[in-house]
PDB file of N, CA and C in Angstrom:
ATOM      1  N   UNK A   1     125.698  87.136-223.688  1.00  0.00           N
ATOM      2  CA  UNK A   1     126.749  87.997-224.190  1.00  0.00           C
ATOM      3  C   UNK A   1     127.665  87.258-225.154  1.00  0.00           C
ATOM      4  N   UNK A   2     127.199  86.339-225.872  1.00  0.00           N
ATOM      5  CA  UNK A   2     128.027  85.662-226.862  1.00  0.00           C
ATOM      6  C   UNK A   2     129.147  84.849-226.241  1.00  0.00           C
ATOM      7  N   UNK A   3     130.364  85.052-226.753  1.00  0.00           N
ATOM      8  CA  UNK A   3     131.517  84.288-226.290  1.00  0.00           C
ATOM      9  C   UNK A   3     132.329  85.001-225.219  1.00  0.00           C
ATOM     10  N   UNK A   4     131.727  85.906-224.508  1.00  0.00           N
ATOM     11  CA  UNK A   4     132.413  86.667-223.467  1.00  0.00           C
ATOM     12  C   UNK A   4     131.892  86.240-222.097  1.00  0.00           C
ATOM     13  N   UNK A   5     132.751  86.354-221.107  1.00  0.00           N
ATOM     14  CA  UNK A   5     132.321  86.085-219.735  1.00  0.00           C
ATOM     15  C   UNK A   5     131.757  87.339-219.076  1.00  0.00           C
ATOM     16  N   UNK A   6     131.731  88.448-219.793  1.00  0.00           N
ATOM     17  CA  UNK A   6     131.249  89.709-219.248  1.00  0.00           C
ATOM     18  C   UNK A   6     129.763  89.619-218.919  1.00  0.00           C
ATOM     19  N   UNK A   7     129.386  90.256-217.831  1.00  0.00           N
ATOM     20  CA  UNK A   7     127.986  90.246-217.404  1.00  0.00           C
ATOM     21  C   UNK A   7     127.218  91.461-217.913  1.00  0.00           C
ATOM     22  N   UNK A   8     127.918  92.413-218.530  1.00  0.00           N
ATOM     23  CA  UNK A   8     127.263  93.600-219.071  1.00  0.00           C
ATOM     24  C   UNK A   8     128.015  94.063-220.317  1.00  0.00           C
ATOM     25  N   UNK A   9     127.375  94.927-221.078  1.00  0.00           N
ATOM     26  CA  UNK A   9     128.015  95.490-222.262  1.00  0.00           C
ATOM     27  C   UNK A   9     129.251  96.296-221.842  1.00  0.00           C
ATOM     28  N   UNK A  10     129.138  97.046-220.763  1.00  0.00           N
ATOM     29  CA  UNK A  10     130.261  97.855-220.291  1.00  0.00           C
ATOM     30  C   UNK A  10     131.460  96.964-219.948  1.00  0.00           C
ATOM     31  N   UNK A  11     131.220  95.851-219.326  1.00  0.00           N
ATOM     32  CA  UNK A  11     132.304  94.919-218.999  1.00  0.00           C
ATOM     33  C   UNK A  11     132.922  94.336-220.262  1.00  0.00           C
ATOM     34  N   UNK A  12     132.098  94.046-221.250  1.00  0.00           N
ATOM     35  CA  UNK A  12     132.605  93.521-222.520  1.00  0.00           C
ATOM     36  C   UNK A  12     133.477  94.566-223.223  1.00  0.00           C
ATOM     37  N   UNK A  13     133.051  95.828-223.191  1.00  0.00           N
ATOM     38  CA  UNK A  13     133.842  96.905-223.787  1.00  0.00           C
ATOM     39  C   UNK A  13     135.196  96.982-223.092  1.00  0.00           C
ATOM     40  N   UNK A  14     135.191  96.877-221.773  1.00  0.00           N
ATOM     41  CA  UNK A  14     136.440  96.933-221.021  1.00  0.00           C
ATOM     42  C   UNK A  14     137.353  95.747-221.354  1.00  0.00           C
ATOM     43  N   UNK A  15     136.784  94.582-221.622  1.00  0.00           N
ATOM     44  CA  UNK A  15     137.582  93.426-222.049  1.00  0.00           C
ATOM     45  C   UNK A  15     138.291  93.723-223.364  1.00  0.00           C
ATOM     46  N   UNK A  16     137.539  94.269-224.313  1.00  0.00           N
ATOM     47  CA  UNK A  16     138.101  94.570-225.630  1.00  0.00           C
ATOM     48  C   UNK A  16     139.186  95.642-225.514  1.00  0.00           C
ATOM     49  N   UNK A  17     138.921  96.686-224.737  1.00  0.00           N
ATOM     50  CA  UNK A  17     139.910  97.747-224.561  1.00  0.00           C
ATOM     51  C   UNK A  17     141.165  97.191-223.880  1.00  0.00           C
ATOM     52  N   UNK A  18     140.991  96.279-222.943  1.00  0.00           N
ATOM     53  CA  UNK A  18     142.137  95.628-222.309  1.00  0.00           C
ATOM     54  C   UNK A  18     142.972  94.856-223.317  1.00  0.00           C
ATOM     55  N   UNK A  19     142.325  94.214-224.265  1.00  0.00           N
ATOM     56  CA  UNK A  19     143.049  93.519-225.330  1.00  0.00           C
ATOM     57  C   UNK A  19     143.809  94.512-226.202  1.00  0.00           C
ATOM     58  N   UNK A  20     143.219  95.675-226.421  1.00  0.00           N
ATOM     59  CA  UNK A  20     143.885  96.715-227.208  1.00  0.00           C
ATOM     60  C   UNK A  20     145.173  97.175-226.525  1.00  0.00           C
ATOM     61  N   UNK A  21     145.154  97.233-225.192  1.00  0.00           N
ATOM     62  CA  UNK A  21     146.367  97.592-224.443  1.00  0.00           C
ATOM     63  C   UNK A  21     147.457  96.575-224.777  1.00  0.00           C
ATOM     64  N   UNK A  22     147.129  95.300-224.715  1.00  0.00           N
ATOM     65  CA  UNK A  22     148.100  94.236-224.961  1.00  0.00           C
ATOM     66  C   UNK A  22     148.657  94.271-226.376  1.00  0.00           C
ATOM     67  N   UNK A  23     147.825  94.669-227.334  1.00  0.00           N
ATOM     68  CA  UNK A  23     148.236  94.655-228.740  1.00  0.00           C
ATOM     69  C   UNK A  23     148.782  95.996-229.222  1.00  0.00           C
ATOM     70  N   UNK A  24     148.672  97.032-228.407  1.00  0.00           N
ATOM     71  CA  UNK A  24     149.156  98.348-228.805  1.00  0.00           C
ATOM     72  C   UNK A  24     148.251  99.049-229.800  1.00  0.00           C
ATOM     73  N   UNK A  25     146.970  98.747-229.752  1.00  0.00           N
ATOM     74  CA  UNK A  25     145.997  99.329-230.674  1.00  0.00           C
ATOM     75  C   UNK A  25     145.339 100.544-230.015  1.00  0.00           C
ATOM     76  N   UNK A  26     145.230 101.643-230.768  1.00  0.00           N
ATOM     77  CA  UNK A  26     144.568 102.840-230.246  1.00  0.00           C
ATOM     78  C   UNK A  26     143.052 102.650-230.285  1.00  0.00           C
ATOM     79  N   UNK A  27     142.372 103.317-229.354  1.00  0.00           N
ATOM     80  CA  UNK A  27     140.909 103.294-229.291  1.00  0.00           C
ATOM     81  C   UNK A  27     140.442 104.747-229.359  1.00  0.00           C
ATOM     82  N   UNK A  28     139.582 105.062-230.334  1.00  0.00           N
ATOM     83  CA  UNK A  28     139.129 106.442-230.526  1.00  0.00           C
ATOM     84  C   UNK A  28     140.337 107.383-230.607  1.00  0.00           C
ATOM     85  N   UNK A  29     141.379 106.938-231.306  1.00  0.00           N
ATOM     86  CA  UNK A  29     142.609 107.693-231.536  1.00  0.00           C
ATOM     87  C   UNK A  29     143.324 108.065-230.230  1.00  0.00           C
ATOM     88  N   UNK A  30     143.163 107.249-229.199  1.00  0.00           N
ATOM     89  CA  UNK A  30     143.794 107.500-227.899  1.00  0.00           C
ATOM     90  C   UNK A  30     144.430 106.210-227.387  1.00  0.00           C
ATOM     91  N   UNK A  31     145.345 106.359-226.461  1.00  0.00           N
ATOM     92  CA  UNK A  31     145.925 105.207-225.787  1.00  0.00           C
ATOM     93  C   UNK A  31     144.788 104.461-225.078  1.00  0.00           C
ATOM     94  N   UNK A  32     144.736 103.147-225.194  1.00  0.00           N
ATOM     95  CA  UNK A  32     143.627 102.405-224.587  1.00  0.00           C
ATOM     96  C   UNK A  32     143.539 102.559-223.063  1.00  0.00           C
ATOM     97  N   UNK A  33     144.667 102.819-222.393  1.00  0.00           N
ATOM     98  CA  UNK A  33     144.614 103.041-220.937  1.00  0.00           C
ATOM     99  C   UNK A  33     143.871 104.334-220.629  1.00  0.00           C
ATOM    100  N   UNK A  34     144.080 105.339-221.477  1.00  0.00           N
ATOM    101  CA  UNK A  34     143.359 106.604-221.319  1.00  0.00           C
ATOM    102  C   UNK A  34     141.863 106.382-221.568  1.00  0.00           C
ATOM    103  N   UNK A  35     141.557 105.615-222.605  1.00  0.00           N
ATOM    104  CA  UNK A  35     140.163 105.314-222.928  1.00  0.00           C
ATOM    105  C   UNK A  35     139.500 104.540-221.791  1.00  0.00           C
ATOM    106  N   UNK A  36     140.236 103.609-221.192  1.00  0.00           N
ATOM    107  CA  UNK A  36     139.707 102.841-220.059  1.00  0.00           C
ATOM    108  C   UNK A  36     139.362 103.780-218.907  1.00  0.00           C
ATOM    109  N   UNK A  37     140.203 104.779-218.681  1.00  0.00           N
ATOM    110  CA  UNK A  37     139.919 105.779-217.649  1.00  0.00           C
ATOM    111  C   UNK A  37     138.635 106.542-217.944  1.00  0.00           C
ATOM    112  N   UNK A  38     138.424 106.850-219.222  1.00  0.00           N
ATOM    113  CA  UNK A  38     137.194 107.544-219.614  1.00  0.00           C
ATOM    114  C   UNK A  38     135.969 106.665-219.359  1.00  0.00           C
ATOM    115  N   UNK A  39     136.106 105.380-219.596  1.00  0.00           N
ATOM    116  CA  UNK A  39     135.000 104.446-219.318  1.00  0.00           C
ATOM    117  C   UNK A  39     134.696 104.444-217.823  1.00  0.00           C
ATOM    118  N   UNK A  40     135.754 104.361-217.017  1.00  0.00           N
ATOM    119  CA  UNK A  40     135.583 104.349-215.556  1.00  0.00           C
ATOM    120  C   UNK A  40     134.938 105.639-215.052  1.00  0.00           C
ATOM    121  N   UNK A  41     135.275 106.771-215.688  1.00  0.00           N
ATOM    122  CA  UNK A  41     134.714 108.067-215.292  1.00  0.00           C
ATOM    123  C   UNK A  41     133.255 108.230-215.733  1.00  0.00           C
ATOM    124  N   UNK A  42     132.798 107.372-216.629  1.00  0.00           N
ATOM    125  CA  UNK A  42     131.421 107.437-217.089  1.00  0.00           C
ATOM    126  C   UNK A  42     131.214 108.231-218.366  1.00  0.00           C
ATOM    127  N   UNK A  43     132.309 108.648-219.001  1.00  0.00           N
ATOM    128  CA  UNK A  43     132.199 109.459-220.218  1.00  0.00           C
ATOM    129  C   UNK A  43     131.441 108.726-221.325  1.00  0.00           C
ATOM    130  N   UNK A  44     131.544 107.421-221.381  1.00  0.00           N
ATOM    131  CA  UNK A  44     130.940 106.633-222.449  1.00  0.00           C
ATOM    132  C   UNK A  44     129.663 105.931-222.023  1.00  0.00           C
ATOM    133  N   UNK A  45     129.151 106.213-220.833  1.00  0.00           N
ATOM    134  CA  UNK A  45     127.951 105.527-220.327  1.00  0.00           C
ATOM    135  C   UNK A  45     126.736 105.720-221.237  1.00  0.00           C
ATOM    136  N   UNK A  46     126.567 106.925-221.779  1.00  0.00           N
ATOM    137  CA  UNK A  46     125.408 107.180-222.641  1.00  0.00           C
ATOM    138  C   UNK A  46     125.479 106.315-223.904  1.00  0.00           C
ATOM    139  N   UNK A  47     126.646 106.260-224.534  1.00  0.00           N
ATOM    140  CA  UNK A  47     126.810 105.451-225.742  1.00  0.00           C
ATOM    141  C   UNK A  47     126.613 103.968-225.441  1.00  0.00           C
ATOM    142  N   UNK A  48     127.135 103.519-224.329  1.00  0.00           N
ATOM    143  CA  UNK A  48     126.999 102.107-223.946  1.00  0.00           C
ATOM    144  C   UNK A  48     125.550 101.786-223.630  1.00  0.00           C
ATOM    145  N   UNK A  49     124.866 102.664-222.899  1.00  0.00           N
ATOM    146  CA  UNK A  49     123.463 102.400-222.555  1.00  0.00           C
ATOM    147  C   UNK A  49     122.579 102.421-223.791  1.00  0.00           C
ATOM    148  N   UNK A  50     122.925 103.258-224.772  1.00  0.00           N
ATOM    149  CA  UNK A  50     122.175 103.286-226.031  1.00  0.00           C
ATOM    150  C   UNK A  50     122.292 101.936-226.732  1.00  0.00           C
ATOM    151  N   UNK A  51     123.483 101.369-226.730  1.00  0.00           N
ATOM    152  CA  UNK A  51     123.698 100.057-227.343  1.00  0.00           C
ATOM    153  C   UNK A  51     122.930  98.974-226.588  1.00  0.00           C
ATOM    154  N   UNK A  52     122.973  99.043-225.252  1.00  0.00           N
ATOM    155  CA  UNK A  52     122.241  98.053-224.442  1.00  0.00           C
ATOM    156  C   UNK A  52     120.744  98.095-224.721  1.00  0.00           C
ATOM    157  N   UNK A  53     120.209  99.283-224.948  1.00  0.00           N
ATOM    158  CA  UNK A  53     118.768  99.429-225.202  1.00  0.00           C
ATOM    159  C   UNK A  53     118.366  98.808-226.529  1.00  0.00           C
ATOM    160  N   UNK A  54     119.301  98.717-227.479  1.00  0.00           N
ATOM    161  CA  UNK A  54     119.011  98.183-228.803  1.00  0.00           C
ATOM    162  C   UNK A  54     119.001  96.655-228.854  1.00  0.00           C
ATOM    163  N   UNK A  55     119.597  95.996-227.884  1.00  0.00           N
ATOM    164  CA  UNK A  55     119.699  94.533-227.976  1.00  0.00           C
ATOM    165  C   UNK A  55     118.445  93.819-227.610  1.00  0.00           C
TER     166      UNK A  55
END
């Protein structure tokens, strides 16, 4: 996973979104905490799994 300690793509995405919270950066035009909730709910699982299949 490059320079990340994440064990999966989903964990790496959550790391980046967590950094967005700290910096006040929106993700998909939403508050990053809201986006993190969507990740936890599985809303983005299809997109993440598609990316994992490409690597």
